[in-house]
Amino acid sequence: MVKVDPTLSMKLRQYQVAGRKFPSDTDPNPVIYRMRIFAIDEIRAKSRFWYFTKRLNKIKTAHGEIVSVEEIIEKNTDHVKTYGISIRYETRNGITNMYREYRDTSLCGAIGRMYQDMAGRHRARAETIHIISTTALNVSSKVKRSNTAQFYNSKIKFPLLHETVRAPCKSLRSVFVSGRPLTRSH
């Protein structure tokens, strides 16, 4: 078994963070702003919420409060789905908008793949990537990228690369064998 470095896979979680300005005499019931944030833990989700609220709604951390932080847990993570992700990231030359598609069993897994892919292809750090929207693409007509569209073929086949030959009955089974095992049929 190969030991995998835990820092290579981002264990992201999806949070719904709600916050508002402090109530004042002029505005006793301020507007509550709600965002879906992908972060490693609750503290970083709050920090990311204030990062966006400062820019979008002009509310600083000192003049506001967080009303609630809830983790959103995806229900069906037993089969692979295709996710479309619209992002905006800061390059050395300016800001670039992108649409990317990833296949994963969960949305958090697809977002983690997106961060890894953007770091590898575009040298974009996670702090510079802003997720605008995410959608689950259920129908093959909604898939735009050819890399993900190839999996919607009904006649797709995958080779069995590691196929071990088993003994037909227990009496023919042996613990120690003189030769190396054949794990691929020719």
Protein backbone atom coordinates (compact mmCIF):
# COMPACT_ATOMS: atom_id res chain seq x y z
CA MET A 1 0.00 0.00 0.00
CA VAL A 2 1.38 3.38 -1.00
CA LYS A 3 1.42 6.07 1.66
CA VAL A 4 -0.28 9.24 0.36
CA ASP A 5 0.67 12.71 1.51
CA PRO A 6 -2.45 14.20 3.20
CA THR A 7 -1.60 17.71 1.99
CA LEU A 8 -2.08 16.69 -1.66
CA SER A 9 -5.83 16.15 -1.32
CA MET A 10 -7.90 19.06 -0.03
CA LYS A 11 -10.58 17.87 2.38
CA LEU A 12 -12.98 20.67 1.59
CA ARG A 13 -16.38 21.09 3.18
CA GLN A 14 -19.33 23.15 2.08
CA TYR A 15 -20.70 25.73 4.52
CA GLN A 16 -23.65 28.08 4.46
CA VAL A 17 -22.63 31.24 6.29
CA ALA A 18 -25.13 34.00 7.11
CA GLY A 19 -24.16 37.42 8.45
CA ARG A 20 -25.35 41.00 8.72
CA LYS A 21 -24.47 44.50 9.90
CA PHE A 22 -24.92 45.29 13.58
CA PRO A 23 -28.43 46.69 14.24
CA SER A 24 -28.43 50.47 14.70
CA ASP A 25 -30.95 53.26 15.34
CA THR A 26 -31.21 54.03 11.63
CA ASP A 27 -31.42 50.35 10.59
CA PRO A 28 -32.86 48.17 13.39
CA ASN A 29 -33.37 45.13 11.09
CA PRO A 30 -30.39 44.95 8.71
CA VAL A 31 -30.36 42.67 5.68
CA ILE A 32 -28.96 39.17 6.29
CA TYR A 33 -26.51 38.03 3.61
CA ARG A 34 -26.06 34.31 3.00
CA MET A 35 -23.27 32.57 1.07
CA ARG A 36 -22.17 29.05 0.24
CA ILE A 37 -18.46 28.82 1.07
CA PHE A 38 -16.05 25.94 0.41
CA ALA A 39 -13.41 25.74 3.14
CA ILE A 40 -11.40 23.26 5.19
CA ASP A 41 -13.07 24.19 8.48
CA GLU A 42 -15.64 26.54 10.00
CA ILE A 43 -13.13 29.24 10.95
CA ARG A 44 -11.80 29.56 7.41
CA ALA A 45 -15.37 29.63 6.09
CA LYS A 46 -16.12 32.62 8.33
CA SER A 47 -12.94 34.34 7.19
CA ARG A 48 -13.83 33.77 3.53
CA PHE A 49 -17.35 35.08 4.18
CA TRP A 50 -15.97 38.35 5.53
CA TYR A 51 -13.56 38.56 2.57
CA PHE A 52 -16.49 38.51 0.13
CA THR A 53 -18.86 40.63 2.25
CA LYS A 54 -16.27 43.39 2.48
CA ARG A 55 -16.02 43.57 -1.30
CA LEU A 56 -19.63 42.90 -2.32
CA ASN A 57 -21.69 44.50 0.45
CA LYS A 58 -19.23 46.97 2.04
CA ILE A 59 -19.56 45.42 5.51
CA LYS A 60 -16.41 45.14 7.59
CA THR A 61 -15.82 42.53 10.28
CA ALA A 62 -15.84 45.25 12.97
CA HIS A 63 -19.29 46.49 11.89
CA GLY A 64 -21.02 43.13 11.44
CA GLU A 65 -21.82 39.77 12.98
CA ILE A 66 -22.18 36.21 11.78
CA VAL A 67 -25.67 34.89 12.43
CA SER A 68 -25.15 31.22 11.57
CA VAL A 69 -22.66 28.76 10.12
CA GLU A 70 -24.03 25.42 8.92
CA GLU A 71 -22.24 22.63 7.12
CA ILE A 72 -24.03 21.39 4.01
CA ILE A 73 -23.63 17.62 3.67
CA GLU A 74 -24.37 16.11 0.28
CA LYS A 75 -26.81 13.21 0.32
CA ASN A 76 -26.01 10.99 -2.67
CA THR A 77 -22.26 10.36 -2.88
CA ASP A 78 -22.50 6.77 -4.12
CA HIS A 79 -22.17 7.39 -7.87
CA VAL A 80 -20.14 9.68 -10.12
CA LYS A 81 -21.67 12.95 -11.31
CA THR A 82 -20.46 15.75 -13.58
CA TYR A 83 -20.21 19.23 -12.07
CA GLY A 84 -19.93 22.53 -13.94
CA ILE A 85 -18.06 25.23 -12.03
CA SER A 86 -17.89 28.92 -12.99
CA ILE A 87 -14.88 30.63 -11.45
CA ARG A 88 -13.03 33.93 -11.51
CA TYR A 89 -9.35 34.00 -10.64
CA GLU A 90 -6.66 36.61 -10.41
CA THR A 91 -3.75 36.17 -12.80
CA ARG A 92 -0.58 38.21 -12.98
CA ASN A 93 -2.16 40.25 -15.80
CA GLY A 94 -5.67 40.74 -14.44
CA ILE A 95 -8.86 38.85 -13.68
CA THR A 96 -10.00 35.89 -15.79
CA ASN A 97 -13.39 34.17 -15.89
CA MET A 98 -13.54 30.42 -16.54
CA TYR A 99 -16.00 27.57 -16.80
CA ARG A 100 -14.69 24.12 -15.90
CA GLU A 101 -16.21 20.63 -15.65
CA TYR A 102 -15.16 17.87 -13.28
CA ARG A 103 -16.43 14.37 -12.54
CA ASP A 104 -16.60 13.31 -8.91
CA THR A 105 -18.91 11.65 -6.40
CA SER A 106 -19.49 14.89 -4.46
CA LEU A 107 -19.43 18.62 -5.10
CA CYS A 108 -16.71 19.13 -2.46
CA GLY A 109 -14.56 16.55 -4.25
CA ALA A 110 -15.08 18.34 -7.57
CA ILE A 111 -14.11 21.68 -6.00
CA GLY A 112 -10.98 20.06 -4.54
CA ARG A 113 -10.12 18.72 -8.01
CA MET A 114 -10.66 22.19 -9.44
CA TYR A 115 -8.24 23.77 -6.96
CA GLN A 116 -5.61 21.11 -7.74
CA ASP A 117 -6.15 21.49 -11.50
CA MET A 118 -5.93 25.28 -11.40
CA ALA A 119 -2.75 25.09 -9.34
CA GLY A 120 -1.20 22.63 -11.79
CA ARG A 121 -2.28 24.20 -15.08
CA HIS A 122 -2.39 27.93 -14.27
CA ARG A 123 -0.31 28.27 -11.09
CA ALA A 124 -3.33 29.82 -9.39
CA ARG A 125 -3.36 29.80 -5.61
CA ALA A 126 -6.54 28.86 -3.77
CA GLU A 127 -6.92 32.38 -2.30
CA THR A 128 -7.07 33.94 -5.77
CA ILE A 129 -9.84 31.63 -7.04
CA HIS A 130 -13.43 32.84 -6.51
CA ILE A 131 -16.20 30.32 -7.14
CA ILE A 132 -19.14 32.08 -8.79
CA SER A 133 -21.57 29.19 -9.30
CA THR A 134 -21.74 25.39 -9.34
CA THR A 135 -24.21 23.12 -11.13
CA ALA A 136 -24.70 19.37 -11.30
CA LEU A 137 -24.93 18.37 -14.97
CA ASN A 138 -27.29 15.39 -15.15
CA VAL A 139 -28.02 15.36 -18.88
CA SER A 140 -25.33 14.77 -21.50
CA SER A 141 -26.64 17.71 -23.59
CA LYS A 142 -25.61 20.14 -20.83
CA VAL A 143 -21.98 18.95 -20.84
CA LYS A 144 -19.78 21.35 -22.82
CA ARG A 145 -16.27 19.91 -22.55
CA SER A 146 -15.26 16.96 -24.71
CA ASN A 147 -13.10 15.59 -21.91
CA THR A 148 -16.17 14.98 -19.74
CA ALA A 149 -18.60 14.29 -22.62
CA GLN A 150 -16.72 11.10 -23.55
CA PHE A 151 -18.04 9.43 -20.37
CA TYR A 152 -21.66 9.80 -21.55
CA ASN A 153 -21.22 7.14 -24.26
CA SER A 154 -23.48 4.12 -23.63
CA LYS A 155 -20.90 1.73 -25.16
CA ILE A 156 -17.93 2.91 -23.09
CA LYS A 157 -15.61 0.15 -21.88
CA PHE A 158 -12.79 0.09 -19.35
CA PRO A 159 -10.07 -2.58 -19.24
CA LEU A 160 -9.66 -4.71 -16.12
CA LEU A 161 -5.99 -4.07 -15.46
CA HIS A 162 -5.62 -5.92 -12.17
CA GLU A 163 -7.52 -9.17 -12.58
CA THR A 164 -6.34 -11.93 -10.25
CA VAL A 165 -7.03 -15.58 -11.04
CA ARG A 166 -8.76 -17.36 -8.18
CA ALA A 167 -8.83 -21.07 -7.52
CA PRO A 168 -12.20 -22.66 -8.43
CA CYS A 169 -12.45 -24.50 -5.11
CA LYS A 170 -10.80 -24.41 -1.69
CA SER A 171 -8.89 -27.68 -2.16
CA LEU A 172 -6.98 -26.24 -5.14
CA ARG A 173 -6.04 -23.04 -3.31
CA SER A 174 -2.42 -22.71 -2.17
CA VAL A 175 -0.85 -20.16 0.14
CA PHE A 176 2.69 -20.27 -1.24
CA VAL A 177 3.36 -20.48 -4.99
CA SER A 178 6.74 -20.69 -6.71
CA GLY A 179 5.96 -18.28 -9.56
CA ARG A 180 4.82 -14.68 -9.69
CA PRO A 181 1.06 -14.06 -9.93
CA LEU A 182 -0.51 -13.26 -13.29
CA THR A 183 -2.63 -10.16 -12.83
CA ARG A 184 -3.44 -9.48 -16.48
CA SER A 185 -5.04 -11.77 -19.02
CA HIS A 186 -3.32 -11.71 -22.43
